[in-house]
Amino acid sequence: MAELLIVYHSKTGGSRQMAEAAADAAREETPTVLKTADQAGPENLLRADGYIFCAPENLAAIAGIMKDFYDRCYYPVLGRIEGRPYAQMICAGSDGENAARQTARIATGWRLRETQPPLIVCTHAQTPEEILAEKTIPDDQLALCRDLGKGFAAGLSMGIF
């Protein structure tokens, strides 16, 4: 049976809630491993058949810990995971587009196949206090994360991806 790996980083809880929602729904369809970016490594990528990457956007870029995950894993798996499917979710204060582009460029280098456009959840946090505050992602936005997780896992388990 196909295995899905979801790798995420979260400092204020938004990305964690998104990743957990996707993982909970995905587990209904296929075995799913949820790992924080600081705990995930090349062995996790090699074992999985598909990936969901979930990160906050910090200063118009992917969060440093998520970038560290990519840096640690990039060369050890290069040429060994080509063709595997991926999707991504971004928790952003404004638009999230640059963080999504950065992840897509890394995935392109790995020769992964994007299964859908990035899911970007915007918290509209703009002041330092709002940005640093613990996040609560609204249920309608978490439903989108669950849909992504369930749909991706179903496609993975049926061999569509």
Protein backbone atom coordinates (compact mmCIF):
# COMPACT_ATOMS: atom_id res chain seq x y z
CA MET A 1 0.00 0.00 0.00
CA ALA A 2 1.25 3.49 -0.88
CA GLU A 3 2.64 5.67 1.92
CA LEU A 4 2.08 9.42 2.13
CA LEU A 5 4.57 11.65 3.93
CA ILE A 6 3.44 15.04 5.23
CA VAL A 7 6.30 17.32 6.32
CA TYR A 8 5.52 20.58 8.07
CA HIS A 9 6.88 23.36 10.22
CA SER A 10 4.85 25.57 12.50
CA LYS A 11 5.87 28.20 15.03
CA THR A 12 2.45 29.68 15.80
CA GLY A 13 0.23 26.67 15.11
CA GLY A 14 -1.32 27.54 11.75
CA SER A 15 0.70 25.17 9.58
CA ARG A 16 0.44 22.46 12.24
CA GLN A 17 -3.35 22.63 12.18
CA MET A 18 -3.33 22.49 8.39
CA ALA A 19 -0.94 19.51 8.28
CA GLU A 20 -2.87 17.64 10.97
CA ALA A 21 -6.16 18.18 9.13
CA ALA A 22 -4.67 16.85 5.89
CA ALA A 23 -3.09 13.88 7.70
CA ASP A 24 -6.27 12.93 9.55
CA ALA A 25 -8.23 12.84 6.29
CA ALA A 26 -5.43 11.11 4.36
CA ARG A 27 -5.26 8.28 6.89
CA GLU A 28 -8.76 7.24 5.79
CA GLU A 29 -7.26 6.36 2.38
CA THR A 30 -3.64 5.27 2.84
CA PRO A 31 -0.91 4.96 5.49
CA THR A 32 0.22 8.49 6.31
CA VAL A 33 3.28 9.70 8.20
CA LEU A 34 3.20 13.21 9.69
CA LYS A 35 6.64 14.63 10.51
CA THR A 36 7.92 18.00 11.58
CA ALA A 37 10.57 19.41 9.28
CA ASP A 38 13.25 19.18 11.96
CA GLN A 39 12.50 15.47 12.46
CA ALA A 40 12.08 14.43 8.81
CA GLY A 41 15.02 13.29 6.76
CA PRO A 42 16.06 11.63 3.51
CA GLU A 43 15.00 8.19 4.76
CA ASN A 44 11.42 9.44 5.14
CA LEU A 45 11.38 10.81 1.61
CA LEU A 46 12.80 7.59 0.19
CA ARG A 47 10.25 5.42 2.03
CA ALA A 48 7.19 7.45 0.97
CA ASP A 49 5.39 7.28 -2.37
CA GLY A 50 4.10 10.86 -2.31
CA TYR A 51 4.44 14.06 -0.32
CA ILE A 52 2.55 17.01 1.09
CA PHE A 53 4.77 19.87 2.21
CA CYS A 54 3.21 22.41 4.60
CA ALA A 55 5.02 25.54 5.73
CA PRO A 56 4.42 29.05 6.97
CA GLU A 57 5.55 31.96 4.91
CA ASN A 58 8.04 34.06 6.89
CA LEU A 59 9.21 37.38 5.48
CA ALA A 60 7.88 36.45 2.02
CA ALA A 61 9.81 33.14 1.99
CA ILE A 62 9.49 29.59 3.27
CA ALA A 63 10.30 29.28 6.95
CA GLY A 64 13.96 28.65 7.74
CA ILE A 65 13.35 25.28 9.38
CA MET A 66 11.50 24.07 6.29
CA LYS A 67 14.38 25.34 4.14
CA ASP A 68 16.76 23.43 6.43
CA PHE A 69 14.74 20.24 5.76
CA TYR A 70 15.12 20.78 2.01
CA ASP A 71 18.83 21.57 2.39
CA ARG A 72 19.49 18.41 4.45
CA CYS A 73 17.51 16.17 2.11
CA TYR A 74 18.10 17.59 -1.34
CA TYR A 75 21.28 15.83 -2.42
CA PRO A 76 20.79 12.54 -0.54
CA VAL A 77 17.54 11.88 -2.47
CA LEU A 78 18.39 13.60 -5.76
CA GLY A 79 17.70 11.19 -8.62
CA ARG A 80 16.01 8.70 -6.29
CA ILE A 81 12.48 10.13 -5.93
CA GLU A 82 11.86 11.36 -9.45
CA GLY A 83 8.28 11.20 -10.68
CA ARG A 84 6.68 10.98 -7.26
CA PRO A 85 3.67 13.23 -6.66
CA TYR A 86 3.54 16.16 -4.30
CA ALA A 87 1.23 18.92 -3.13
CA GLN A 88 1.86 21.86 -0.85
CA MET A 89 0.06 24.02 1.67
CA ILE A 90 1.23 27.44 2.84
CA CYS A 91 0.04 29.36 5.89
CA ALA A 92 0.61 33.04 5.09
CA GLY A 93 -0.07 36.41 6.61
CA SER A 94 -0.54 38.05 3.23
CA ASP A 95 -0.20 36.16 -0.06
CA GLY A 96 2.10 33.12 0.33
CA GLU A 97 3.01 33.06 -3.36
CA ASN A 98 6.77 33.37 -2.97
CA ALA A 99 6.95 30.55 -0.42
CA ALA A 100 4.93 28.38 -2.79
CA ARG A 101 7.29 29.25 -5.65
CA GLN A 102 10.33 28.33 -3.57
CA THR A 103 8.93 24.92 -2.68
CA ALA A 104 7.89 24.33 -6.29
CA ARG A 105 11.45 25.09 -7.47
CA ILE A 106 12.88 22.56 -5.04
CA ALA A 107 10.29 19.99 -6.13
CA THR A 108 11.19 20.69 -9.76
CA GLY A 109 14.84 19.97 -8.96
CA TRP A 110 13.80 16.65 -7.46
CA ARG A 111 11.64 16.03 -10.57
CA LEU A 112 8.49 15.60 -8.48
CA ARG A 113 5.06 15.87 -10.09
CA GLU A 114 2.75 18.59 -8.77
CA THR A 115 -0.77 17.20 -8.36
CA GLN A 116 -2.55 20.52 -7.85
CA PRO A 117 -1.85 24.21 -7.32
CA PRO A 118 -0.63 25.18 -3.83
CA LEU A 119 -3.27 25.61 -1.15
CA ILE A 120 -2.57 28.96 0.52
CA VAL A 121 -4.40 29.83 3.73
CA CYS A 122 -4.14 33.52 4.53
CA THR A 123 -4.38 34.57 8.19
CA HIS A 124 -4.15 38.30 7.34
CA ALA A 125 -1.73 38.74 10.25
CA GLN A 126 0.10 42.01 9.55
CA THR A 127 1.25 43.53 12.84
CA PRO A 128 4.10 42.06 14.88
CA GLU A 129 1.61 41.04 17.56
CA GLU A 130 -0.70 39.29 15.06
CA ILE A 131 2.19 37.60 13.28
CA LEU A 132 3.65 36.18 16.50
CA ALA A 133 0.29 35.22 18.02
CA GLU A 134 -0.90 31.60 18.18
CA LYS A 135 -3.09 30.96 15.13
CA THR A 136 -6.51 29.36 14.88
CA ILE A 137 -7.29 28.30 11.33
CA PRO A 138 -11.04 28.63 10.59
CA ASP A 139 -13.00 25.42 10.01
CA ASP A 140 -13.77 26.27 6.39
CA GLN A 141 -10.04 26.60 5.67
CA LEU A 142 -9.24 23.37 7.54
CA ALA A 143 -11.90 21.67 5.41
CA LEU A 144 -9.83 22.59 2.34
CA CYS A 145 -6.78 21.01 3.99
CA ARG A 146 -8.77 17.85 4.75
CA ASP A 147 -9.99 17.74 1.15
CA LEU A 148 -6.43 18.08 -0.13
CA GLY A 149 -5.19 15.33 2.19
CA LYS A 150 -8.01 12.92 1.40
CA GLY A 151 -7.91 13.56 -2.34
CA PHE A 152 -4.14 13.27 -2.55
CA ALA A 153 -4.13 10.05 -0.50
CA ALA A 154 -6.94 8.54 -2.55
CA GLY A 155 -5.11 9.33 -5.79
CA LEU A 156 -1.92 7.89 -4.36
CA SER A 157 -3.55 4.68 -3.15
CA MET A 158 -5.40 4.15 -6.45
CA GLY A 159 -2.25 4.70 -8.48
CA ILE A 160 -3.63 7.78 -10.22
CA PHE A 161 -0.57 9.81 -9.25
